[in-house]
């Protein structure tokens, strides 16, 4: 389907580009958010990425899928924007010892509670860790596809994924621990 709309856009049908906007805007925003952790910056990144794609569509060489090519642009734009953001971002540092919450407590949450917990925990992770988890688990990209999108080696991707899983679990436990303490304090 992408090839059909690429041909239409390249033939001069600018309205055909709406297909790409509708098809990829949500994932592009998710990818950008996982890196920059700022909603407004992520929206700008998505806009900038679509503009780049529109301008450089004739350069798309079809060595990979359009989706992979586009997400690579979003990742690169996100990483460049992250460097430009001259503010301190506090990331999760997994150094605590007391674990009140276990893994089964996380699994017992309702679906919407799990989604909220996951998104909150992803905000606490380093940008690359958040990105690799979103691509691999939430978007169900293969390791090879993650490598194509990010430009990382397979080994680096696997190491990041392993580290990110551990940090994600610790972040979820930390969030639930704080919520558990807040509920306990409210009941006193």
N, C-alpha and C. Protein backbone atom coordinates (compact mmCIF):
# COMPACT_ATOMS: atom_id res chain seq x y z
N UNK A 1 0.82 -1.18 0.00
CA UNK A 1 0.00 0.00 0.00
C UNK A 1 0.88 1.26 0.00
N UNK A 2 1.96 1.21 0.78
CA UNK A 2 2.86 2.37 0.84
C UNK A 2 3.40 2.71 -0.55
N UNK A 3 3.79 1.69 -1.31
CA UNK A 3 4.36 1.93 -2.65
C UNK A 3 3.37 2.67 -3.55
N UNK A 4 2.11 2.31 -3.44
CA UNK A 4 1.07 2.96 -4.25
C UNK A 4 1.04 4.46 -3.95
N UNK A 5 1.04 4.81 -2.66
CA UNK A 5 0.97 6.22 -2.28
C UNK A 5 2.29 6.95 -2.52
N UNK A 6 3.38 6.25 -2.44
CA UNK A 6 4.67 6.87 -2.78
C UNK A 6 4.65 7.30 -4.24
N UNK A 7 4.19 6.40 -5.10
CA UNK A 7 4.12 6.72 -6.53
C UNK A 7 3.19 7.91 -6.78
N UNK A 8 2.05 7.93 -6.08
CA UNK A 8 1.10 9.04 -6.26
C UNK A 8 1.72 10.37 -5.82
N UNK A 9 2.38 10.38 -4.69
CA UNK A 9 3.01 11.62 -4.20
C UNK A 9 4.10 12.06 -5.16
N UNK A 10 4.92 11.12 -5.59
CA UNK A 10 6.01 11.47 -6.51
C UNK A 10 5.49 11.94 -7.87
N UNK A 11 4.28 11.51 -8.21
CA UNK A 11 3.65 11.94 -9.46
C UNK A 11 3.00 13.32 -9.33
N UNK A 12 3.04 13.88 -8.11
CA UNK A 12 2.51 15.23 -7.92
C UNK A 12 1.24 15.33 -7.12
N UNK A 13 0.68 14.21 -6.68
CA UNK A 13 -0.55 14.22 -5.89
C UNK A 13 -0.20 14.45 -4.42
N UNK A 14 -0.16 15.70 -4.03
CA UNK A 14 0.24 16.06 -2.66
C UNK A 14 -0.78 15.59 -1.63
N UNK A 15 -2.04 15.50 -2.03
CA UNK A 15 -3.07 15.04 -1.10
C UNK A 15 -2.88 13.56 -0.71
N UNK A 16 -2.20 12.81 -1.55
CA UNK A 16 -1.95 11.39 -1.26
C UNK A 16 -1.04 11.22 -0.06
N UNK A 17 -0.31 12.27 0.31
CA UNK A 17 0.59 12.19 1.45
C UNK A 17 -0.18 12.03 2.76
N UNK A 18 -1.47 12.38 2.75
CA UNK A 18 -2.30 12.21 3.95
C UNK A 18 -2.34 10.76 4.41
N UNK A 19 -2.21 9.86 3.46
CA UNK A 19 -2.17 8.44 3.81
C UNK A 19 -1.07 8.19 4.83
N UNK A 20 0.12 8.71 4.57
CA UNK A 20 1.26 8.50 5.47
C UNK A 20 1.03 9.17 6.83
N UNK A 21 0.43 10.34 6.81
CA UNK A 21 0.12 11.03 8.06
C UNK A 21 -0.81 10.18 8.91
N UNK A 22 -1.87 9.69 8.30
CA UNK A 22 -2.84 8.87 9.03
C UNK A 22 -2.26 7.53 9.48
N UNK A 23 -1.44 6.95 8.64
CA UNK A 23 -0.90 5.62 8.90
C UNK A 23 0.18 5.63 9.98
N UNK A 24 1.02 6.67 10.03
CA UNK A 24 2.23 6.61 10.85
C UNK A 24 2.33 7.66 11.96
N UNK A 25 1.38 8.56 12.07
CA UNK A 25 1.52 9.65 13.04
C UNK A 25 1.55 9.15 14.49
N UNK A 26 0.72 8.19 14.84
CA UNK A 26 0.66 7.73 16.22
C UNK A 26 1.96 7.05 16.65
N UNK A 27 2.46 6.16 15.81
CA UNK A 27 3.70 5.47 16.17
C UNK A 27 4.87 6.44 16.16
N UNK A 28 4.86 7.39 15.24
CA UNK A 28 5.94 8.38 15.20
C UNK A 28 5.96 9.18 16.50
N UNK A 29 4.78 9.55 16.97
CA UNK A 29 4.69 10.28 18.23
C UNK A 29 5.19 9.42 19.39
N UNK A 30 4.82 8.16 19.40
CA UNK A 30 5.26 7.25 20.46
C UNK A 30 6.77 7.10 20.47
N UNK A 31 7.35 6.95 19.30
CA UNK A 31 8.81 6.83 19.19
C UNK A 31 9.48 8.11 19.68
N UNK A 32 9.00 9.25 19.23
CA UNK A 32 9.58 10.52 19.64
C UNK A 32 9.44 10.73 21.14
N UNK A 33 8.28 10.42 21.69
CA UNK A 33 8.05 10.56 23.13
C UNK A 33 9.00 9.68 23.93
N UNK A 34 9.26 8.49 23.44
CA UNK A 34 10.13 7.58 24.19
C UNK A 34 11.54 8.13 24.28
N UNK A 35 11.93 8.96 23.34
CA UNK A 35 13.29 9.52 23.36
C UNK A 35 13.34 10.84 24.12
N UNK A 36 12.48 11.79 23.76
CA UNK A 36 12.59 13.14 24.34
C UNK A 36 11.77 13.33 25.61
N UNK A 37 10.78 12.48 25.84
CA UNK A 37 9.97 12.52 27.06
C UNK A 37 9.27 13.86 27.27
N UNK A 38 8.95 14.53 26.20
CA UNK A 38 8.28 15.82 26.26
C UNK A 38 7.25 15.86 25.13
N UNK A 39 5.99 16.04 25.49
CA UNK A 39 4.90 15.96 24.52
C UNK A 39 5.03 16.99 23.39
N UNK A 40 5.35 18.22 23.76
CA UNK A 40 5.43 19.28 22.74
C UNK A 40 6.63 19.08 21.82
N UNK A 41 7.75 18.67 22.38
CA UNK A 41 8.93 18.39 21.56
C UNK A 41 8.63 17.20 20.64
N UNK A 42 7.94 16.19 21.15
CA UNK A 42 7.60 15.02 20.34
C UNK A 42 6.70 15.40 19.17
N UNK A 43 5.73 16.29 19.42
CA UNK A 43 4.85 16.74 18.34
C UNK A 43 5.65 17.48 17.26
N UNK A 44 6.59 18.31 17.68
CA UNK A 44 7.42 19.03 16.72
C UNK A 44 8.30 18.06 15.93
N UNK A 45 8.82 17.06 16.60
CA UNK A 45 9.65 16.06 15.93
C UNK A 45 8.85 15.33 14.86
N UNK A 46 7.63 14.97 15.19
CA UNK A 46 6.77 14.26 14.23
C UNK A 46 6.52 15.16 13.02
N UNK A 47 6.20 16.42 13.26
CA UNK A 47 5.98 17.35 12.15
C UNK A 47 7.24 17.49 11.29
N UNK A 48 8.37 17.70 11.95
CA UNK A 48 9.63 17.85 11.22
C UNK A 48 9.95 16.59 10.41
N UNK A 49 9.66 15.43 11.00
CA UNK A 49 9.94 14.17 10.31
C UNK A 49 9.07 14.01 9.06
N UNK A 50 7.79 14.36 9.18
CA UNK A 50 6.92 14.26 8.01
C UNK A 50 7.34 15.25 6.92
N UNK A 51 7.77 16.42 7.32
CA UNK A 51 8.25 17.40 6.33
C UNK A 51 9.48 16.85 5.62
N UNK A 52 10.41 16.27 6.39
CA UNK A 52 11.62 15.68 5.78
C UNK A 52 11.25 14.56 4.81
N UNK A 53 10.32 13.73 5.23
CA UNK A 53 9.90 12.62 4.37
C UNK A 53 9.29 13.16 3.08
N UNK A 54 8.44 14.16 3.19
CA UNK A 54 7.80 14.72 2.00
C UNK A 54 8.85 15.31 1.06
N UNK A 55 9.79 16.05 1.62
CA UNK A 55 10.83 16.69 0.80
C UNK A 55 11.76 15.66 0.16
N UNK A 56 12.09 14.61 0.90
CA UNK A 56 13.10 13.65 0.45
C UNK A 56 12.51 12.32 -0.02
N UNK A 57 11.23 12.28 -0.27
CA UNK A 57 10.59 11.02 -0.68
C UNK A 57 11.22 10.44 -1.95
N UNK A 58 11.65 11.30 -2.82
CA UNK A 58 12.26 10.80 -4.06
C UNK A 58 13.58 10.07 -3.80
N UNK A 59 14.18 10.29 -2.62
CA UNK A 59 15.44 9.63 -2.25
C UNK A 59 15.20 8.25 -1.63
N UNK A 60 13.96 7.94 -1.30
CA UNK A 60 13.67 6.64 -0.70
C UNK A 60 14.03 5.55 -1.70
N UNK A 61 15.01 4.70 -1.33
CA UNK A 61 15.55 3.73 -2.27
C UNK A 61 14.98 2.32 -2.12
N UNK A 62 14.05 2.13 -1.24
CA UNK A 62 13.33 0.86 -1.06
C UNK A 62 14.23 -0.31 -0.63
N UNK A 63 15.40 0.01 -0.03
CA UNK A 63 16.23 -1.06 0.53
C UNK A 63 15.57 -1.64 1.78
N UNK A 64 14.76 -0.83 2.42
CA UNK A 64 13.97 -1.28 3.57
C UNK A 64 12.53 -0.85 3.30
N UNK A 65 11.65 -1.19 4.21
CA UNK A 65 10.26 -0.77 4.03
C UNK A 65 10.16 0.73 4.29
N UNK A 66 9.12 1.34 3.77
CA UNK A 66 8.90 2.77 4.01
C UNK A 66 8.79 3.02 5.50
N UNK A 67 8.07 2.14 6.20
CA UNK A 67 7.87 2.27 7.64
C UNK A 67 9.20 2.34 8.38
N UNK A 68 10.10 1.44 8.06
CA UNK A 68 11.42 1.42 8.70
C UNK A 68 12.19 2.69 8.38
N UNK A 69 12.15 3.09 7.13
CA UNK A 69 12.84 4.32 6.71
C UNK A 69 12.28 5.52 7.45
N UNK A 70 10.98 5.63 7.54
CA UNK A 70 10.35 6.76 8.21
C UNK A 70 10.68 6.76 9.70
N UNK A 71 10.57 5.61 10.37
CA UNK A 71 10.87 5.57 11.80
C UNK A 71 12.33 5.88 12.08
N UNK A 72 13.20 5.53 11.16
CA UNK A 72 14.63 5.88 11.31
C UNK A 72 14.77 7.40 11.31
N UNK A 73 14.02 8.06 10.45
CA UNK A 73 14.04 9.53 10.41
C UNK A 73 13.53 10.09 11.73
N UNK A 74 12.45 9.52 12.25
CA UNK A 74 11.89 9.98 13.53
C UNK A 74 12.90 9.77 14.66
N UNK A 75 13.55 8.62 14.69
CA UNK A 75 14.55 8.35 15.73
C UNK A 75 15.69 9.36 15.63
N UNK A 76 16.20 9.58 14.43
CA UNK A 76 17.30 10.53 14.26
C UNK A 76 16.90 11.95 14.66
N UNK A 77 15.70 12.36 14.27
CA UNK A 77 15.20 13.69 14.65
C UNK A 77 15.06 13.79 16.17
N UNK A 78 14.59 12.72 16.78
CA UNK A 78 14.40 12.69 18.23
C UNK A 78 15.73 12.81 18.96
N UNK A 79 16.72 12.05 18.50
CA UNK A 79 18.03 12.09 19.15
C UNK A 79 18.69 13.45 18.96
N UNK A 80 18.52 14.06 17.79
CA UNK A 80 19.07 15.40 17.57
C UNK A 80 18.38 16.41 18.47
N UNK A 81 17.06 16.30 18.61
CA UNK A 81 16.31 17.23 19.47
C UNK A 81 16.71 17.05 20.92
N UNK A 82 16.93 15.81 21.33
CA UNK A 82 17.34 15.54 22.70
C UNK A 82 18.65 16.26 23.01
N UNK A 83 19.56 16.25 22.07
CA UNK A 83 20.84 16.96 22.26
C UNK A 83 20.62 18.46 22.37
N UNK A 84 19.64 18.98 21.63
CA UNK A 84 19.38 20.42 21.63
C UNK A 84 18.67 20.88 22.90
N UNK A 85 17.92 19.98 23.51
CA UNK A 85 17.20 20.36 24.74
C UNK A 85 18.25 20.57 25.83
N UNK A 86 18.40 21.79 26.21
CA UNK A 86 19.43 22.09 27.20
C UNK A 86 18.82 22.20 28.59
N UNK A 87 18.18 21.14 28.97
CA UNK A 87 17.61 21.09 30.30
C UNK A 87 17.96 19.73 30.89
N UNK A 88 18.03 19.69 32.16
CA UNK A 88 18.37 18.45 32.82
C UNK A 88 17.15 17.55 32.87
N UNK A 89 17.33 16.33 32.43
CA UNK A 89 16.27 15.34 32.50
C UNK A 89 16.68 14.32 33.55
N UNK A 90 15.80 14.09 34.49
CA UNK A 90 16.11 13.14 35.55
C UNK A 90 15.59 11.77 35.12
N UNK A 91 16.50 10.82 35.08
CA UNK A 91 16.15 9.47 34.69
C UNK A 91 16.21 8.55 35.90
N UNK A 92 15.55 7.46 35.79
CA UNK A 92 15.49 6.48 36.85
C UNK A 92 16.87 5.88 37.08
N UNK A 93 17.28 5.85 38.33
CA UNK A 93 18.54 5.21 38.70
C UNK A 93 18.21 4.00 39.57
N UNK A 94 18.36 2.82 39.02
CA UNK A 94 17.95 1.62 39.75
C UNK A 94 18.95 1.24 40.84
N UNK A 95 18.83 1.87 42.03
CA UNK A 95 19.80 1.61 43.08
C UNK A 95 19.16 1.32 44.43
N UNK A 96 17.85 1.11 44.46
CA UNK A 96 17.22 0.87 45.74
C UNK A 96 17.19 -0.62 46.05
N UNK A 97 17.11 -0.94 47.33
CA UNK A 97 17.18 -2.33 47.77
C UNK A 97 15.83 -2.88 48.24
N UNK A 98 15.05 -2.05 48.90
CA UNK A 98 13.78 -2.51 49.47
C UNK A 98 12.73 -2.69 48.38
N UNK A 99 12.27 -3.91 48.21
CA UNK A 99 11.26 -4.19 47.21
C UNK A 99 10.02 -4.75 47.90
N UNK A 100 9.02 -3.90 48.04
CA UNK A 100 7.76 -4.31 48.67
C UNK A 100 6.89 -5.03 47.65
N UNK A 101 6.94 -4.57 46.41
CA UNK A 101 6.06 -5.07 45.36
C UNK A 101 6.80 -6.16 44.57
N UNK A 102 6.12 -7.26 44.29
CA UNK A 102 6.74 -8.29 43.47
C UNK A 102 6.11 -8.29 42.07
N UNK A 103 6.65 -9.11 41.19
CA UNK A 103 6.21 -9.14 39.79
C UNK A 103 4.74 -9.57 39.65
N UNK A 104 4.26 -10.42 40.52
CA UNK A 104 2.87 -10.88 40.41
C UNK A 104 1.90 -9.74 40.67
N UNK A 105 2.30 -8.77 41.49
CA UNK A 105 1.43 -7.61 41.76
C UNK A 105 1.25 -6.79 40.48
N UNK A 106 2.30 -6.68 39.70
CA UNK A 106 2.23 -5.93 38.44
C UNK A 106 1.28 -6.64 37.48
N UNK A 107 1.41 -7.96 37.41
CA UNK A 107 0.58 -8.74 36.48
C UNK A 107 -0.89 -8.75 36.89
N UNK A 108 -1.19 -8.53 38.15
CA UNK A 108 -2.57 -8.58 38.62
C UNK A 108 -3.34 -7.29 38.36
N UNK A 109 -2.69 -6.26 37.88
CA UNK A 109 -3.36 -4.99 37.60
C UNK A 109 -4.32 -5.12 36.42
N UNK A 110 -5.33 -4.27 36.39
CA UNK A 110 -6.24 -4.21 35.25
C UNK A 110 -5.48 -3.68 34.04
N UNK A 111 -6.00 -3.92 32.85
CA UNK A 111 -5.33 -3.54 31.61
C UNK A 111 -5.03 -2.03 31.57
N UNK A 112 -5.99 -1.19 31.89
CA UNK A 112 -5.75 0.26 31.85
C UNK A 112 -4.74 0.69 32.92
N UNK A 113 -4.75 0.01 34.07
CA UNK A 113 -3.76 0.30 35.10
C UNK A 113 -2.37 -0.12 34.63
N UNK A 114 -2.30 -1.27 33.95
CA UNK A 114 -1.02 -1.73 33.41
C UNK A 114 -0.49 -0.73 32.39
N UNK A 115 -1.36 -0.27 31.48
CA UNK A 115 -0.94 0.69 30.47
C UNK A 115 -0.41 1.97 31.10
N UNK A 116 -1.10 2.45 32.12
CA UNK A 116 -0.66 3.66 32.81
C UNK A 116 0.69 3.43 33.48
N UNK A 117 0.82 2.29 34.15
CA UNK A 117 2.07 1.95 34.82
C UNK A 117 3.22 1.84 33.81
N UNK A 118 2.97 1.18 32.69
CA UNK A 118 3.99 1.01 31.66
C UNK A 118 4.44 2.37 31.12
N UNK A 119 3.49 3.23 30.80
CA UNK A 119 3.85 4.54 30.26
C UNK A 119 4.59 5.39 31.28
N UNK A 120 4.18 5.31 32.53
CA UNK A 120 4.86 6.06 33.59
C UNK A 120 6.29 5.53 33.77
N UNK A 121 6.44 4.22 33.75
CA UNK A 121 7.77 3.62 33.91
C UNK A 121 8.67 3.94 32.72
N UNK A 122 8.11 3.92 31.51
CA UNK A 122 8.91 4.25 30.32
C UNK A 122 9.45 5.67 30.40
N UNK A 123 8.69 6.56 31.03
CA UNK A 123 9.15 7.94 31.20
C UNK A 123 10.38 8.02 32.10
N UNK A 124 10.54 7.04 32.96
CA UNK A 124 11.65 7.04 33.92
C UNK A 124 12.93 6.47 33.33
N UNK A 125 12.83 5.76 32.23
CA UNK A 125 13.99 5.09 31.64
C UNK A 125 14.81 6.05 30.78
N UNK A 126 16.03 5.65 30.52
CA UNK A 126 16.86 6.39 29.57
C UNK A 126 16.22 6.33 28.19
N UNK A 127 16.42 7.35 27.37
CA UNK A 127 15.76 7.39 26.06
C UNK A 127 15.98 6.15 25.20
N UNK A 128 17.20 5.66 25.12
CA UNK A 128 17.46 4.48 24.28
C UNK A 128 16.76 3.24 24.82
N UNK A 129 16.70 3.11 26.14
CA UNK A 129 16.02 1.96 26.74
C UNK A 129 14.52 2.04 26.49
N UNK A 130 13.96 3.20 26.67
CA UNK A 130 12.54 3.39 26.41
C UNK A 130 12.22 3.10 24.94
N UNK A 131 13.05 3.59 24.05
CA UNK A 131 12.85 3.39 22.62
C UNK A 131 12.90 1.91 22.25
N UNK A 132 13.91 1.20 22.71
CA UNK A 132 14.05 -0.20 22.33
C UNK A 132 12.89 -1.04 22.87
N UNK A 133 12.40 -0.72 24.07
CA UNK A 133 11.25 -1.45 24.60
C UNK A 133 9.99 -1.17 23.79
N UNK A 134 9.78 0.10 23.46
CA UNK A 134 8.59 0.44 22.65
C UNK A 134 8.63 -0.25 21.29
N UNK A 135 9.77 -0.21 20.64
CA UNK A 135 9.86 -0.82 19.31
C UNK A 135 9.71 -2.33 19.37
N UNK A 136 10.41 -2.97 20.29
CA UNK A 136 10.42 -4.43 20.33
C UNK A 136 9.13 -5.01 20.89
N UNK A 137 8.64 -4.47 22.00
CA UNK A 137 7.46 -5.07 22.64
C UNK A 137 6.15 -4.44 22.21
N UNK A 138 6.09 -3.12 22.19
CA UNK A 138 4.81 -2.49 21.89
C UNK A 138 4.51 -2.46 20.39
N UNK A 139 5.55 -2.28 19.58
CA UNK A 139 5.34 -2.28 18.14
C UNK A 139 5.67 -3.62 17.48
N UNK A 140 6.18 -4.54 18.30
CA UNK A 140 6.49 -5.90 17.86
C UNK A 140 7.43 -5.95 16.66
N UNK A 141 8.43 -5.08 16.69
CA UNK A 141 9.47 -5.10 15.66
C UNK A 141 10.47 -6.19 16.04
N UNK A 142 11.06 -6.82 15.04
CA UNK A 142 12.09 -7.82 15.31
C UNK A 142 13.40 -7.10 15.69
N UNK A 143 14.35 -7.85 16.19
CA UNK A 143 15.66 -7.28 16.52
C UNK A 143 16.27 -6.65 15.27
N UNK A 144 16.14 -7.35 14.15
CA UNK A 144 16.69 -6.83 12.89
C UNK A 144 16.02 -5.50 12.52
N UNK A 145 14.71 -5.43 12.66
CA UNK A 145 14.00 -4.20 12.33
C UNK A 145 14.37 -3.07 13.28
N UNK A 146 14.54 -3.38 14.57
CA UNK A 146 14.97 -2.37 15.53
C UNK A 146 16.34 -1.83 15.12
N UNK A 147 17.22 -2.71 14.70
CA UNK A 147 18.56 -2.29 14.25
C UNK A 147 18.46 -1.37 13.03
N UNK A 148 17.59 -1.72 12.09
CA UNK A 148 17.41 -0.89 10.89
C UNK A 148 16.86 0.48 11.25
N UNK A 149 15.91 0.52 12.18
CA UNK A 149 15.27 1.78 12.57
C UNK A 149 16.23 2.67 13.34
N UNK A 150 17.01 2.08 14.23
CA UNK A 150 17.85 2.87 15.13
C UNK A 150 19.28 3.06 14.63
N UNK A 151 19.75 2.14 13.80
CA UNK A 151 21.14 2.20 13.34
C UNK A 151 22.10 1.53 14.32
N UNK A 152 21.56 0.86 15.34
CA UNK A 152 22.40 0.18 16.31
C UNK A 152 22.78 -1.20 15.78
N UNK A 153 23.87 -1.75 16.31
CA UNK A 153 24.25 -3.11 15.94
C UNK A 153 23.31 -4.08 16.64
N UNK A 154 23.30 -5.31 16.17
CA UNK A 154 22.44 -6.32 16.79
C UNK A 154 22.86 -6.57 18.24
N UNK A 155 24.16 -6.64 18.47
CA UNK A 155 24.65 -6.86 19.83
C UNK A 155 24.24 -5.72 20.75
N UNK A 156 24.43 -4.50 20.29
CA UNK A 156 24.06 -3.33 21.09
C UNK A 156 22.56 -3.33 21.39
N UNK A 157 21.77 -3.67 20.40
CA UNK A 157 20.31 -3.72 20.58
C UNK A 157 19.93 -4.76 21.62
N UNK A 158 20.53 -5.93 21.55
CA UNK A 158 20.21 -6.98 22.52
C UNK A 158 20.64 -6.59 23.93
N UNK A 159 21.81 -5.96 24.06
CA UNK A 159 22.27 -5.52 25.37
C UNK A 159 21.33 -4.45 25.92
N UNK A 160 20.97 -3.47 25.08
CA UNK A 160 20.04 -2.42 25.51
C UNK A 160 18.69 -3.01 25.91
N UNK A 161 18.22 -3.96 25.15
CA UNK A 161 16.93 -4.59 25.45
C UNK A 161 16.99 -5.33 26.79
N UNK A 162 18.07 -6.06 27.02
CA UNK A 162 18.23 -6.78 28.28
C UNK A 162 18.28 -5.80 29.46
N UNK A 163 19.08 -4.77 29.33
CA UNK A 163 19.21 -3.77 30.39
C UNK A 163 17.88 -3.03 30.60
N UNK A 164 17.21 -2.71 29.50
CA UNK A 164 15.95 -1.98 29.58
C UNK A 164 14.87 -2.78 30.27
N UNK A 165 14.83 -4.09 30.02
CA UNK A 165 13.84 -4.95 30.70
C UNK A 165 14.04 -4.92 32.21
N UNK A 166 15.29 -5.03 32.63
CA UNK A 166 15.58 -5.00 34.07
C UNK A 166 15.20 -3.65 34.67
N UNK A 167 15.56 -2.57 34.00
CA UNK A 167 15.25 -1.24 34.51
C UNK A 167 13.74 -0.97 34.49
N UNK A 168 13.07 -1.52 33.50
CA UNK A 168 11.62 -1.35 33.41
C UNK A 168 10.93 -2.02 34.59
N UNK A 169 11.35 -3.23 34.91
CA UNK A 169 10.76 -3.94 36.04
C UNK A 169 11.02 -3.17 37.33
N UNK A 170 12.23 -2.68 37.51
CA UNK A 170 12.54 -1.91 38.72
C UNK A 170 11.74 -0.62 38.78
N UNK A 171 11.55 0.02 37.63
CA UNK A 171 10.76 1.26 37.60
C UNK A 171 9.31 0.97 37.96
N UNK A 172 8.75 -0.11 37.42
CA UNK A 172 7.37 -0.48 37.75
C UNK A 172 7.23 -0.78 39.24
N UNK A 173 8.17 -1.51 39.78
CA UNK A 173 8.14 -1.82 41.21
C UNK A 173 8.22 -0.54 42.04
N UNK A 174 9.08 0.37 41.63
CA UNK A 174 9.24 1.63 42.36
C UNK A 174 7.94 2.44 42.34
N UNK A 175 7.31 2.52 41.19
CA UNK A 175 6.05 3.26 41.07
C UNK A 175 4.98 2.63 41.95
N UNK A 176 4.88 1.31 41.88
CA UNK A 176 3.86 0.62 42.67
C UNK A 176 4.16 0.75 44.16
N UNK A 177 5.43 0.73 44.53
CA UNK A 177 5.82 0.91 45.92
C UNK A 177 5.37 2.27 46.43
N UNK A 178 5.59 3.30 45.65
CA UNK A 178 5.17 4.66 46.02
C UNK A 178 3.65 4.72 46.14
N UNK A 179 2.95 4.13 45.17
CA UNK A 179 1.49 4.13 45.23
C UNK A 179 0.99 3.34 46.43
N UNK A 180 1.64 2.23 46.74
CA UNK A 180 1.26 1.41 47.88
C UNK A 180 1.44 2.19 49.17
N UNK A 181 2.55 2.91 49.29
CA UNK A 181 2.80 3.72 50.48
C UNK A 181 1.78 4.86 50.60
N UNK A 182 1.44 5.46 49.45
CA UNK A 182 0.44 6.55 49.47
C UNK A 182 -0.92 6.04 49.91
N UNK A 183 -1.31 4.88 49.43
CA UNK A 183 -2.60 4.30 49.81
C UNK A 183 -2.59 3.95 51.29
N UNK A 184 -1.47 3.39 51.76
CA UNK A 184 -1.35 3.04 53.19
C UNK A 184 -1.44 4.28 54.06
N UNK A 185 -0.80 5.36 53.64
CA UNK A 185 -0.83 6.61 54.41
C UNK A 185 -2.22 7.22 54.39
N UNK A 186 -2.94 7.10 53.29
CA UNK A 186 -4.28 7.65 53.20
C UNK A 186 -5.26 6.90 54.11
N UNK A 187 -5.00 5.61 54.31
CA UNK A 187 -5.89 4.80 55.14
C UNK A 187 -5.64 4.96 56.63
N UNK A 188 -4.58 5.65 56.99
CA UNK A 188 -4.27 5.83 58.43
C UNK A 188 -5.05 6.95 59.02
